Amino acid sequence: MFNKILFSILITIGLQSRAQQILFDAGDSLSKVNYYYGLPINSENPDIYYIFRNQYALSYNPQKSTADWVAWNLNSGWIGETDRYKGQFITDTVIPKKYHRAKHKDYTNSGFDRGHIVRSKERSDNEINNKSTFLMSNIYPQTPDLNRGLWLNFEYYCEKLCTKENKNLFIYAGGVFVSDSTLHGEGKVAIPDSCFKIVIITDFKNKLPEINKNTEIIAVMMPNIQGVRRGKWQNYITTIRNIEIQTSYDFFSNLPQELQDCIENKKWHSKP
């Protein structure tokens, strides 16, 4: 499942050009559905490694031994009855050996959970898809209160949108790294100071719908600290523009700038 194929290409970002590495599994269709609205672009510090899988796409940061962001599509078709993978979390061997590859044991006795970015339940239609969510490149060090509280509750809300309201979601999630903290202080696996998620909500009848100024989008930024388990995720709603400022990423790069300015400055309001 996780055989490696490595390609080097040139990707132009703005006025900059640099060699990028694309890593993906053998047999991957490189479906663009997971990043249909564009790969996030960081013009200040362009991404080096993209990992594309059928289940999600991500930018891997070898200095942090984590992802900068992960992008994926979610609808009821991805959510099934497959049992959660029961083995240890899996070292992602598509990452070049010259870098530290995060391991299951890196997190042991650290006080941090192995927090999924793409949730296990969100890829429960079959065993292969579910197992892919346990690759360490899809994991962040999250406090138990964030991982099992705020973050999980928002994941439940997204699941409900798919299974109860037949929505088709396009999601970007990642971390904001400010303090340079690492697991066990070893300087290997970086700990995000906060975690963000951007959720584009569309109707499932339109598999690849176009975004417009009325498209419903939720953006949240949650602190990666203890003491927030019983909080409401709605209290951490923000704007996409604020996430861009915090991360230096430009989201929705495939959209016209005028439309980006419109949707990125809107703040979602919870329904009564």
C-alpha atoms as a PDB file:
ATOM      1  CA  MET A   1       0.000   0.000   0.000  1.00  0.00           C
ATOM      2  CA  PHE A   2       2.710   2.435   0.933  1.00  0.00           C
ATOM      3  CA  ASN A   3       5.281   1.772  -1.779  1.00  0.00           C
ATOM      4  CA  LYS A   4       7.183   4.876  -2.748  1.00  0.00           C
ATOM      5  CA  ILE A   5       7.480   6.623  -6.077  1.00  0.00           C
ATOM      6  CA  LEU A   6       9.452   9.869  -6.115  1.00  0.00           C
ATOM      7  CA  PHE A   7       9.189  12.616  -8.709  1.00  0.00           C
ATOM      8  CA  SER A   8      11.009  15.948  -8.928  1.00  0.00           C
ATOM      9  CA  ILE A   9       9.311  18.785 -10.769  1.00  0.00           C
ATOM     10  CA  LEU A  10       9.521  22.527 -11.027  1.00  0.00           C
ATOM     11  CA  ILE A  11       6.621  24.452  -9.586  1.00  0.00           C
ATOM     12  CA  THR A  12       6.391  28.196 -10.035  1.00  0.00           C
ATOM     13  CA  ILE A  13       5.040  30.108  -7.051  1.00  0.00           C
ATOM     14  CA  GLY A  14       4.521  33.760  -7.823  1.00  0.00           C
ATOM     15  CA  LEU A  15       7.839  34.960  -9.172  1.00  0.00           C
ATOM     16  CA  GLN A  16       9.743  32.148  -7.484  1.00  0.00           C
ATOM     17  CA  SER A  17      10.738  28.823  -8.988  1.00  0.00           C
ATOM     18  CA  ARG A  18      12.221  25.985  -7.018  1.00  0.00           C
ATOM     19  CA  ALA A  19      12.538  22.227  -7.274  1.00  0.00           C
ATOM     20  CA  GLN A  20       9.740  20.458  -5.440  1.00  0.00           C
ATOM     21  CA  GLN A  21       9.520  16.836  -4.427  1.00  0.00           C
ATOM     22  CA  ILE A  22       6.244  15.003  -4.926  1.00  0.00           C
ATOM     23  CA  LEU A  23       5.834  11.772  -3.015  1.00  0.00           C
ATOM     24  CA  PHE A  24       2.913   9.455  -3.540  1.00  0.00           C
ATOM     25  CA  ASP A  25       1.845   5.862  -3.220  1.00  0.00           C
ATOM     26  CA  ALA A  26       2.040   3.434  -6.111  1.00  0.00           C
ATOM     27  CA  GLY A  27      -1.355   3.175  -7.714  1.00  0.00           C
ATOM     28  CA  ASP A  28      -2.483   6.586  -6.501  1.00  0.00           C
ATOM     29  CA  SER A  29      -4.667   8.312  -9.049  1.00  0.00           C
ATOM     30  CA  LEU A  30      -3.509  11.736  -7.866  1.00  0.00           C
ATOM     31  CA  SER A  31      -7.159  12.760  -7.790  1.00  0.00           C
ATOM     32  CA  LYS A  32      -7.432  16.515  -7.456  1.00  0.00           C
ATOM     33  CA  VAL A  33     -10.701  16.308  -5.541  1.00  0.00           C
ATOM     34  CA  ASN A  34      -8.829  16.655  -2.232  1.00  0.00           C
ATOM     35  CA  TYR A  35      -7.387  20.026  -3.228  1.00  0.00           C
ATOM     36  CA  TYR A  36      -9.889  21.044  -5.889  1.00  0.00           C
ATOM     37  CA  TYR A  37      -9.792  24.731  -4.915  1.00  0.00           C
ATOM     38  CA  GLY A  38      -6.012  24.958  -5.034  1.00  0.00           C
ATOM     39  CA  LEU A  39      -2.966  23.986  -3.028  1.00  0.00           C
ATOM     40  CA  PRO A  40      -2.161  26.423  -0.212  1.00  0.00           C
ATOM     41  CA  ILE A  41       0.772  28.605  -1.240  1.00  0.00           C
ATOM     42  CA  ASN A  42       3.412  30.029   1.070  1.00  0.00           C
ATOM     43  CA  SER A  43       5.416  32.613  -0.885  1.00  0.00           C
ATOM     44  CA  GLU A  44       7.686  33.384   2.112  1.00  0.00           C
ATOM     45  CA  ASN A  45       8.758  29.780   2.663  1.00  0.00           C
ATOM     46  CA  PRO A  46       7.581  27.613  -0.252  1.00  0.00           C
ATOM     47  CA  ASP A  47       6.723  24.002   0.496  1.00  0.00           C
ATOM     48  CA  ILE A  48       9.331  21.389  -0.335  1.00  0.00           C
ATOM     49  CA  TYR A  49       7.474  18.091  -0.095  1.00  0.00           C
ATOM     50  CA  TYR A  50       3.959  17.320  -1.247  1.00  0.00           C
ATOM     51  CA  ILE A  51       2.531  13.894  -0.431  1.00  0.00           C
ATOM     52  CA  PHE A  52      -0.484  12.912  -2.528  1.00  0.00           C
ATOM     53  CA  ARG A  53      -2.658   9.952  -1.641  1.00  0.00           C
ATOM     54  CA  ASN A  54      -6.096   8.908  -2.765  1.00  0.00           C
ATOM     55  CA  GLN A  55      -7.278   9.718   0.754  1.00  0.00           C
ATOM     56  CA  TYR A  56      -5.722  13.192   1.195  1.00  0.00           C
ATOM     57  CA  ALA A  57      -2.940  15.536   0.133  1.00  0.00           C
ATOM     58  CA  LEU A  58      -0.442  17.234   2.423  1.00  0.00           C
ATOM     59  CA  SER A  59       2.636  19.398   2.594  1.00  0.00           C
ATOM     60  CA  TYR A  60       5.291  17.705   4.714  1.00  0.00           C
ATOM     61  CA  ASN A  61       7.763  19.851   6.641  1.00  0.00           C
ATOM     62  CA  PRO A  62      10.997  17.917   7.276  1.00  0.00           C
ATOM     63  CA  GLN A  63      12.198  20.471   9.827  1.00  0.00           C
ATOM     64  CA  LYS A  64       9.067  19.889  11.939  1.00  0.00           C
ATOM     65  CA  SER A  65       8.569  16.177  11.186  1.00  0.00           C
ATOM     66  CA  THR A  66       4.888  17.009  10.700  1.00  0.00           C
ATOM     67  CA  ALA A  67       2.597  18.323   8.008  1.00  0.00           C
ATOM     68  CA  ASP A  68       2.179  22.049   7.464  1.00  0.00           C
ATOM     69  CA  TRP A  69      -1.316  21.360   6.134  1.00  0.00           C
ATOM     70  CA  VAL A  70      -3.529  18.525   4.945  1.00  0.00           C
ATOM     71  CA  ALA A  71      -6.334  18.831   2.371  1.00  0.00           C
ATOM     72  CA  TRP A  72      -9.160  16.342   1.867  1.00  0.00           C
ATOM     73  CA  ASN A  73     -12.683  15.822   0.607  1.00  0.00           C
ATOM     74  CA  LEU A  74     -15.384  14.478   2.925  1.00  0.00           C
ATOM     75  CA  ASN A  75     -18.880  13.236   2.231  1.00  0.00           C
ATOM     76  CA  SER A  76     -21.042  10.314   3.281  1.00  0.00           C
ATOM     77  CA  GLY A  77     -19.303   8.056   0.766  1.00  0.00           C
ATOM     78  CA  TRP A  78     -16.098   8.174   2.811  1.00  0.00           C
ATOM     79  CA  ILE A  79     -17.838   7.273   6.085  1.00  0.00           C
ATOM     80  CA  GLY A  80     -18.642   3.607   6.634  1.00  0.00           C
ATOM     81  CA  GLU A  81     -18.608   0.778   9.147  1.00  0.00           C
ATOM     82  CA  THR A  82     -14.966  -0.303   8.846  1.00  0.00           C
ATOM     83  CA  ASP A  83     -13.420  -0.884  12.253  1.00  0.00           C
ATOM     84  CA  ARG A  84     -10.750   1.543  13.400  1.00  0.00           C
ATOM     85  CA  TYR A  85      -7.242   0.290  12.663  1.00  0.00           C
ATOM     86  CA  LYS A  86      -5.924  -1.335  15.846  1.00  0.00           C
ATOM     87  CA  GLY A  87      -2.171  -1.384  15.268  1.00  0.00           C
ATOM     88  CA  GLN A  88       0.440   1.164  16.274  1.00  0.00           C
ATOM     89  CA  PHE A  89       0.612   4.403  14.334  1.00  0.00           C
ATOM     90  CA  ILE A  90       2.644   3.950  11.168  1.00  0.00           C
ATOM     91  CA  THR A  91       5.918   5.601  10.205  1.00  0.00           C
ATOM     92  CA  ASP A  92       5.483   7.176   6.776  1.00  0.00           C
ATOM     93  CA  THR A  93       8.224   5.594   4.684  1.00  0.00           C
ATOM     94  CA  VAL A  94       7.678   7.800   1.639  1.00  0.00           C
ATOM     95  CA  ILE A  95       9.539  10.507   3.582  1.00  0.00           C
ATOM     96  CA  PRO A  96      13.231  10.478   2.608  1.00  0.00           C
ATOM     97  CA  LYS A  97      15.462   8.646   5.081  1.00  0.00           C
ATOM     98  CA  LYS A  98      17.701  11.683   5.514  1.00  0.00           C
ATOM     99  CA  TYR A  99      14.949  13.305   7.597  1.00  0.00           C
ATOM    100  CA  HIS A 100      13.535  12.232  10.922  1.00  0.00           C
ATOM    101  CA  ARG A 101      10.458  10.133  10.280  1.00  0.00           C
ATOM    102  CA  ALA A 102       8.042  10.521  13.175  1.00  0.00           C
ATOM    103  CA  LYS A 103       7.400   7.240  14.971  1.00  0.00           C
ATOM    104  CA  HIS A 104       4.708   5.949  17.291  1.00  0.00           C
ATOM    105  CA  LYS A 105       7.157   5.917  20.202  1.00  0.00           C
ATOM    106  CA  ASP A 106       8.115   9.589  19.701  1.00  0.00           C
ATOM    107  CA  TYR A 107       4.836  10.478  21.412  1.00  0.00           C
ATOM    108  CA  THR A 108       5.020   7.926  24.221  1.00  0.00           C
ATOM    109  CA  ASN A 109       4.963   9.551  27.700  1.00  0.00           C
ATOM    110  CA  SER A 110       5.086  13.007  26.126  1.00  0.00           C
ATOM    111  CA  GLY A 111       1.748  14.183  27.532  1.00  0.00           C
ATOM    112  CA  PHE A 112       0.436  14.712  24.008  1.00  0.00           C
ATOM    113  CA  ASP A 113      -2.033  12.621  22.038  1.00  0.00           C
ATOM    114  CA  ARG A 114      -1.347  11.343  18.566  1.00  0.00           C
ATOM    115  CA  GLY A 115      -3.977  13.635  17.073  1.00  0.00           C
ATOM    116  CA  HIS A 116      -5.360  12.768  13.648  1.00  0.00           C
ATOM    117  CA  ILE A 117      -5.608  15.577  11.135  1.00  0.00           C
ATOM    118  CA  VAL A 118      -7.820  13.512   8.830  1.00  0.00           C
ATOM    119  CA  ARG A 119      -9.946  11.677  11.385  1.00  0.00           C
ATOM    120  CA  SER A 120     -10.059   7.874  11.311  1.00  0.00           C
ATOM    121  CA  LYS A 121     -13.865   7.867  10.979  1.00  0.00           C
ATOM    122  CA  GLU A 122     -13.607  10.146   7.951  1.00  0.00           C
ATOM    123  CA  ARG A 123     -11.925   7.339   6.035  1.00  0.00           C
ATOM    124  CA  SER A 124     -13.922   4.354   7.303  1.00  0.00           C
ATOM    125  CA  ASP A 125     -15.351   3.116   4.014  1.00  0.00           C
ATOM    126  CA  ASN A 126     -12.654   0.432   3.770  1.00  0.00           C
ATOM    127  CA  GLU A 127      -9.573  -0.856   5.613  1.00  0.00           C
ATOM    128  CA  ILE A 128      -7.009   0.659   3.262  1.00  0.00           C
ATOM    129  CA  ASN A 129      -8.442   4.151   3.546  1.00  0.00           C
ATOM    130  CA  ASN A 130      -8.789   3.889   7.306  1.00  0.00           C
ATOM    131  CA  LYS A 131      -5.220   2.656   7.752  1.00  0.00           C
ATOM    132  CA  SER A 132      -3.917   5.616   5.756  1.00  0.00           C
ATOM    133  CA  THR A 133      -5.105   7.997   8.485  1.00  0.00           C
ATOM    134  CA  PHE A 134      -2.712   6.330  10.953  1.00  0.00           C
ATOM    135  CA  LEU A 135       0.387   7.349   9.017  1.00  0.00           C
ATOM    136  CA  MET A 136       2.446   9.666  11.230  1.00  0.00           C
ATOM    137  CA  SER A 137       2.489  12.371   8.541  1.00  0.00           C
ATOM    138  CA  ASN A 138      -1.250  12.754   9.265  1.00  0.00           C
ATOM    139  CA  ILE A 139      -0.669  13.202  13.001  1.00  0.00           C
ATOM    140  CA  TYR A 140      -0.069  16.232  15.231  1.00  0.00           C
ATOM    141  CA  PRO A 141       0.944  16.350  18.893  1.00  0.00           C
ATOM    142  CA  GLN A 142      -2.314  17.564  20.452  1.00  0.00           C
ATOM    143  CA  THR A 143      -3.170  17.998  24.099  1.00  0.00           C
ATOM    144  CA  PRO A 144      -5.776  15.504  25.332  1.00  0.00           C
ATOM    145  CA  ASP A 145      -8.233  18.355  25.959  1.00  0.00           C
ATOM    146  CA  LEU A 146      -7.959  19.612  22.394  1.00  0.00           C
ATOM    147  CA  ASN A 147      -7.882  16.213  20.695  1.00  0.00           C
ATOM    148  CA  ARG A 148     -10.697  14.670  22.744  1.00  0.00           C
ATOM    149  CA  GLY A 149     -12.693  17.851  23.255  1.00  0.00           C
ATOM    150  CA  LEU A 150     -12.850  20.885  20.969  1.00  0.00           C
ATOM    151  CA  TRP A 151     -11.250  19.277  17.922  1.00  0.00           C
ATOM    152  CA  LEU A 152     -13.327  16.103  18.197  1.00  0.00           C
ATOM    153  CA  ASN A 153     -16.566  18.008  18.688  1.00  0.00           C
ATOM    154  CA  PHE A 154     -15.953  19.964  15.494  1.00  0.00           C
ATOM    155  CA  GLU A 155     -15.186  16.686  13.718  1.00  0.00           C
ATOM    156  CA  TYR A 156     -18.539  15.360  14.948  1.00  0.00           C
ATOM    157  CA  TYR A 157     -20.223  18.437  13.476  1.00  0.00           C
ATOM    158  CA  CYS A 158     -18.554  17.840  10.104  1.00  0.00           C
ATOM    159  CA  GLU A 159     -19.602  14.193  10.191  1.00  0.00           C
ATOM    160  CA  LYS A 160     -23.197  15.246  10.890  1.00  0.00           C
ATOM    161  CA  LEU A 161     -23.151  17.619   7.913  1.00  0.00           C
ATOM    162  CA  CYS A 162     -22.225  14.686   5.683  1.00  0.00           C
ATOM    163  CA  THR A 163     -24.414  11.934   7.107  1.00  0.00           C
ATOM    164  CA  LYS A 164     -27.492  13.919   8.149  1.00  0.00           C
ATOM    165  CA  GLU A 165     -27.529  16.832   5.699  1.00  0.00           C
ATOM    166  CA  ASN A 166     -25.869  15.177   2.684  1.00  0.00           C
ATOM    167  CA  LYS A 167     -23.169  17.825   2.395  1.00  0.00           C
ATOM    168  CA  ASN A 168     -19.926  17.559   0.441  1.00  0.00           C
ATOM    169  CA  LEU A 169     -17.037  19.109   2.346  1.00  0.00           C
ATOM    170  CA  PHE A 170     -13.626  20.286   1.195  1.00  0.00           C
ATOM    171  CA  ILE A 171     -11.277  20.691   4.135  1.00  0.00           C
ATOM    172  CA  TYR A 172      -7.887  22.237   4.845  1.00  0.00           C
ATOM    173  CA  ALA A 173      -6.309  21.766   8.286  1.00  0.00           C
ATOM    174  CA  GLY A 174      -2.934  22.386   9.829  1.00  0.00           C
ATOM    175  CA  GLY A 175      -0.967  23.934  12.647  1.00  0.00           C
ATOM    176  CA  VAL A 176       0.444  27.282  13.695  1.00  0.00           C
ATOM    177  CA  PHE A 177       3.968  26.939  15.081  1.00  0.00           C
ATOM    178  CA  VAL A 178       5.251  29.839  17.157  1.00  0.00           C
ATOM    179  CA  SER A 179       7.093  28.592  20.247  1.00  0.00           C
ATOM    180  CA  ASP A 180       9.440  26.021  18.650  1.00  0.00           C
ATOM    181  CA  SER A 181       8.314  23.417  21.212  1.00  0.00           C
ATOM    182  CA  THR A 182       9.018  19.767  20.377  1.00  0.00           C
ATOM    183  CA  LEU A 183       8.079  16.426  21.899  1.00  0.00           C
ATOM    184  CA  HIS A 184      10.288  15.658  24.917  1.00  0.00           C
ATOM    185  CA  GLY A 185      12.319  18.775  23.991  1.00  0.00           C
ATOM    186  CA  GLU A 186      14.297  16.650  21.544  1.00  0.00           C
ATOM    187  CA  GLY A 187      14.019  19.036  18.602  1.00  0.00           C
ATOM    188  CA  LYS A 188      12.441  16.417  16.333  1.00  0.00           C
ATOM    189  CA  VAL A 189       8.622  16.501  16.267  1.00  0.00           C
ATOM    190  CA  ALA A 190       7.249  20.044  16.479  1.00  0.00           C
ATOM    191  CA  ILE A 191       4.216  20.832  18.650  1.00  0.00           C
ATOM    192  CA  PRO A 192       1.715  23.261  17.099  1.00  0.00           C
ATOM    193  CA  ASP A 193       0.664  26.129  19.354  1.00  0.00           C
ATOM    194  CA  SER A 194      -2.760  26.041  17.754  1.00  0.00           C
ATOM    195  CA  CYS A 195      -4.586  24.050  15.092  1.00  0.00           C
ATOM    196  CA  PHE A 196      -6.765  25.437  12.326  1.00  0.00           C
ATOM    197  CA  LYS A 197      -9.397  23.981  10.042  1.00  0.00           C
ATOM    198  CA  ILE A 198     -11.192  25.463   7.028  1.00  0.00           C
ATOM    199  CA  VAL A 199     -14.354  23.673   5.880  1.00  0.00           C
ATOM    200  CA  ILE A 200     -16.086  24.462   2.572  1.00  0.00           C
ATOM    201  CA  ILE A 201     -19.704  23.275   2.711  1.00  0.00           C
ATOM    202  CA  THR A 202     -21.423  22.313  -0.537  1.00  0.00           C
ATOM    203  CA  ASP A 203     -24.272  20.015  -1.577  1.00  0.00           C
ATOM    204  CA  PHE A 204     -23.338  16.435  -2.390  1.00  0.00           C
ATOM    205  CA  LYS A 205     -25.378  16.534  -5.614  1.00  0.00           C
ATOM    206  CA  ASN A 206     -22.620  18.718  -7.046  1.00  0.00           C
ATOM    207  CA  LYS A 207     -19.475  16.595  -6.741  1.00  0.00           C
ATOM    208  CA  LEU A 208     -17.132  19.463  -7.699  1.00  0.00           C
ATOM    209  CA  PRO A 209     -19.137  22.653  -7.148  1.00  0.00           C
ATOM    210  CA  GLU A 210     -17.837  26.116  -7.819  1.00  0.00           C
ATOM    211  CA  ILE A 211     -17.417  28.471  -4.866  1.00  0.00           C
ATOM    212  CA  ASN A 212     -19.216  31.810  -4.930  1.00  0.00           C
ATOM    213  CA  LYS A 213     -19.635  34.657  -2.460  1.00  0.00           C
ATOM    214  CA  ASN A 214     -22.576  32.868  -0.827  1.00  0.00           C
ATOM    215  CA  THR A 215     -20.794  29.558  -0.249  1.00  0.00           C
ATOM    216  CA  GLU A 216     -20.882  28.547   3.416  1.00  0.00           C
ATOM    217  CA  ILE A 217     -17.384  28.208   4.874  1.00  0.00           C
ATOM    218  CA  ILE A 218     -16.327  27.614   8.488  1.00  0.00           C
ATOM    219  CA  ALA A 219     -12.846  28.573   9.708  1.00  0.00           C
ATOM    220  CA  VAL A 220     -11.647  27.773  13.230  1.00  0.00           C
ATOM    221  CA  MET A 221      -8.404  28.286  15.136  1.00  0.00           C
ATOM    222  CA  MET A 222      -8.108  26.279  18.366  1.00  0.00           C
ATOM    223  CA  PRO A 223      -5.387  26.573  21.015  1.00  0.00           C
ATOM    224  CA  ASN A 224      -3.339  23.431  21.606  1.00  0.00           C
ATOM    225  CA  ILE A 225      -3.539  23.640  25.399  1.00  0.00           C
ATOM    226  CA  GLN A 226      -5.132  21.875  28.331  1.00  0.00           C
ATOM    227  CA  GLY A 227      -8.268  23.286  29.959  1.00  0.00           C
ATOM    228  CA  VAL A 228     -10.379  23.577  26.789  1.00  0.00           C
ATOM    229  CA  ARG A 229     -12.059  20.172  26.699  1.00  0.00           C
ATOM    230  CA  ARG A 230     -15.496  21.411  27.756  1.00  0.00           C
ATOM    231  CA  GLY A 231     -15.399  24.541  25.609  1.00  0.00           C
ATOM    232  CA  LYS A 232     -17.535  25.069  22.524  1.00  0.00           C
ATOM    233  CA  TRP A 233     -15.824  24.891  19.170  1.00  0.00           C
ATOM    234  CA  GLN A 234     -18.047  27.760  18.016  1.00  0.00           C
ATOM    235  CA  ASN A 235     -16.083  30.038  20.360  1.00  0.00           C
ATOM    236  CA  TYR A 236     -13.029  29.594  18.141  1.00  0.00           C
ATOM    237  CA  ILE A 237     -14.544  30.637  14.834  1.00  0.00           C
ATOM    238  CA  THR A 238     -12.287  32.979  12.896  1.00  0.00           C
ATOM    239  CA  THR A 239     -11.759  34.107   9.310  1.00  0.00           C
ATOM    240  CA  ILE A 240      -9.701  32.482   6.599  1.00  0.00           C
ATOM    241  CA  ARG A 241      -7.785  35.735   6.279  1.00  0.00           C
ATOM    242  CA  ASN A 242      -6.731  35.509   9.928  1.00  0.00           C
ATOM    243  CA  ILE A 243      -5.502  31.961   9.368  1.00  0.00           C
ATOM    244  CA  GLU A 244      -3.556  33.179   6.348  1.00  0.00           C
ATOM    245  CA  ILE A 245      -1.917  35.887   8.466  1.00  0.00           C
ATOM    246  CA  GLN A 246      -1.002  33.370  11.181  1.00  0.00           C
ATOM    247  CA  THR A 247       0.377  30.753   8.772  1.00  0.00           C
ATOM    248  CA  SER A 248       1.654  32.834   5.813  1.00  0.00           C
ATOM    249  CA  TYR A 249      -0.361  30.567   3.501  1.00  0.00           C
ATOM    250  CA  ASP A 250      -2.626  31.743   0.698  1.00  0.00           C
ATOM    251  CA  PHE A 251      -5.659  29.465   0.441  1.00  0.00           C
ATOM    252  CA  PHE A 252      -7.991  29.020  -2.549  1.00  0.00           C
ATOM    253  CA  SER A 253      -5.195  29.849  -4.975  1.00  0.00           C
ATOM    254  CA  ASN A 254      -7.325  28.667  -7.914  1.00  0.00           C
ATOM    255  CA  LEU A 255      -9.968  31.334  -7.321  1.00  0.00           C
ATOM    256  CA  PRO A 256     -10.025  34.939  -8.628  1.00  0.00           C
ATOM    257  CA  GLN A 257      -8.572  37.417  -6.120  1.00  0.00           C
ATOM    258  CA  GLU A 258     -11.834  39.343  -5.864  1.00  0.00           C
ATOM    259  CA  LEU A 259     -13.684  36.201  -4.775  1.00  0.00           C
ATOM    260  CA  GLN A 260     -10.886  35.257  -2.381  1.00  0.00           C
ATOM    261  CA  ASP A 261     -11.161  38.652  -0.714  1.00  0.00           C
ATOM    262  CA  CYS A 262     -14.902  38.175  -0.290  1.00  0.00           C
ATOM    263  CA  ILE A 263     -14.968  34.706   1.255  1.00  0.00           C
ATOM    264  CA  GLU A 264     -11.753  34.993   3.239  1.00  0.00           C
ATOM    265  CA  ASN A 265     -12.984  37.958   5.258  1.00  0.00           C
ATOM    266  CA  LYS A 266     -16.389  36.470   6.094  1.00  0.00           C
ATOM    267  CA  LYS A 267     -16.980  35.025   9.556  1.00  0.00           C
ATOM    268  CA  TRP A 268     -19.337  32.063   9.874  1.00  0.00           C
ATOM    269  CA  HIS A 269     -22.249  32.409  12.276  1.00  0.00           C
ATOM    270  CA  SER A 270     -23.594  29.297  13.978  1.00  0.00           C
ATOM    271  CA  LYS A 271     -27.158  28.315  13.242  1.00  0.00           C
ATOM    272  CA  PRO A 272     -29.755  28.702  16.019  1.00  0.00           C
END
